[in-house]
C-alpha cells in the first residue's frame, strides 16, 4: 500500500500519479537490463543472477504494458476521463 501525505494526495492528479508510476517502471526496466548485462559479464554463466535480472525486466515490462493500457482506457475510452 502506498502511503501519501494528505496534502500531497490532493495536490497530485490521478493522471499525473499514473505518469510518475510509468516513469518509475521504465527506470526499473533500464536498471534491470543494465544489471543483467553486468551479471552476464562478471559471472560468465556460472550463476543464475542474469536470468533473475532479466526475469524481473520481463515482469516490469508486463506491468508497463498494463499501466499503459489502463491509462489509454481511462483517458480515451471512458467518457469524461
Protein backbone atom coordinates (compact mmCIF):
# COMPACT_ATOMS: atom_id res chain seq x y z
CA UNK A 1 0.00 0.00 0.00
CA UNK A 2 1.37 3.37 -1.00
CA UNK A 3 1.16 5.97 1.74
CA UNK A 4 0.92 9.55 0.50
CA UNK A 5 0.75 12.54 2.85
CA UNK A 6 -2.73 14.10 2.91
CA UNK A 7 -1.76 17.40 1.29
CA UNK A 8 0.24 15.67 -1.44
CA UNK A 9 -2.55 13.26 -2.39
CA UNK A 10 -4.94 16.08 -3.15
CA UNK A 11 -2.26 18.13 -4.95
CA UNK A 12 -1.32 15.40 -7.45
CA UNK A 13 -3.95 14.46 -10.01
CA UNK A 14 -4.52 10.72 -10.61
CA UNK A 15 -3.29 11.06 -14.21
CA UNK A 16 -0.03 12.61 -13.01
CA UNK A 17 0.41 9.80 -10.49
CA UNK A 18 -0.03 7.30 -13.32
CA UNK A 19 2.57 9.18 -15.37
CA UNK A 20 5.03 9.09 -12.47
CA UNK A 21 4.40 5.37 -11.94
CA UNK A 22 5.00 4.68 -15.64
CA UNK A 23 8.30 6.59 -15.50
CA UNK A 24 9.37 4.67 -12.38
CA UNK A 25 8.63 1.35 -14.09
CA UNK A 26 10.60 2.47 -17.16
CA UNK A 27 13.52 3.39 -14.92
CA UNK A 28 13.26 -0.03 -13.23
CA UNK A 29 13.39 -1.75 -16.63
CA UNK A 30 16.54 0.14 -17.57
CA UNK A 31 18.19 -0.67 -14.22
CA UNK A 32 17.26 -4.35 -14.52
CA UNK A 33 18.58 -4.52 -18.06
CA UNK A 34 21.86 -2.90 -17.00
CA UNK A 35 22.28 -5.21 -14.03
CA UNK A 36 21.62 -8.19 -16.30
CA UNK A 37 24.43 -7.03 -18.58
CA UNK A 38 26.79 -6.58 -15.62
CA UNK A 39 25.93 -10.02 -14.23
CA UNK A 40 26.42 -11.57 -17.68
CA UNK A 41 29.91 -10.11 -17.99
CA UNK A 42 31.01 -10.74 -14.37
CA UNK A 43 29.59 -14.22 -13.75
CA UNK A 44 30.27 -15.73 -17.19
CA UNK A 45 27.26 -18.03 -16.91
CA UNK A 46 28.16 -19.56 -13.55
CA UNK A 47 25.22 -18.14 -11.57
CA UNK A 48 21.53 -17.50 -12.17
CA UNK A 49 21.72 -13.76 -11.47
CA UNK A 50 21.44 -12.85 -15.16
CA UNK A 51 18.33 -14.97 -15.57
CA UNK A 52 16.74 -13.49 -12.45
CA UNK A 53 17.55 -9.94 -13.54
CA UNK A 54 16.08 -10.45 -16.98
CA UNK A 55 13.02 -12.16 -15.48
CA UNK A 56 12.46 -9.06 -13.36
CA UNK A 57 12.74 -6.98 -16.54
CA UNK A 58 10.08 -9.08 -18.27
CA UNK A 59 7.76 -8.71 -15.27
CA UNK A 60 8.30 -4.95 -15.26
CA UNK A 61 7.63 -4.80 -18.99
CA UNK A 62 4.33 -6.64 -18.46
CA UNK A 63 3.46 -4.17 -15.68
CA UNK A 64 4.34 -1.29 -18.01
CA UNK A 65 2.02 -2.64 -20.70
CA UNK A 66 -0.78 -2.98 -18.16
CA UNK A 67 -0.24 0.58 -16.91
CA UNK A 68 -0.21 1.95 -20.45
CA UNK A 69 -3.39 0.05 -21.31
CA UNK A 70 -5.08 1.35 -18.15
CA UNK A 71 -4.02 4.89 -18.96
CA UNK A 72 -5.26 4.57 -22.52
CA UNK A 73 -8.63 3.19 -21.45
CA UNK A 74 -9.20 5.79 -18.77
CA UNK A 75 -8.17 8.69 -21.00
CA UNK A 76 -9.76 7.81 -24.33
CA UNK A 77 -12.43 5.17 -23.77
CA UNK A 78 -14.28 6.30 -20.65
CA UNK A 79 -16.46 9.39 -21.20
CA UNK A 80 -15.32 12.27 -19.05
CA UNK A 81 -11.98 10.60 -18.26
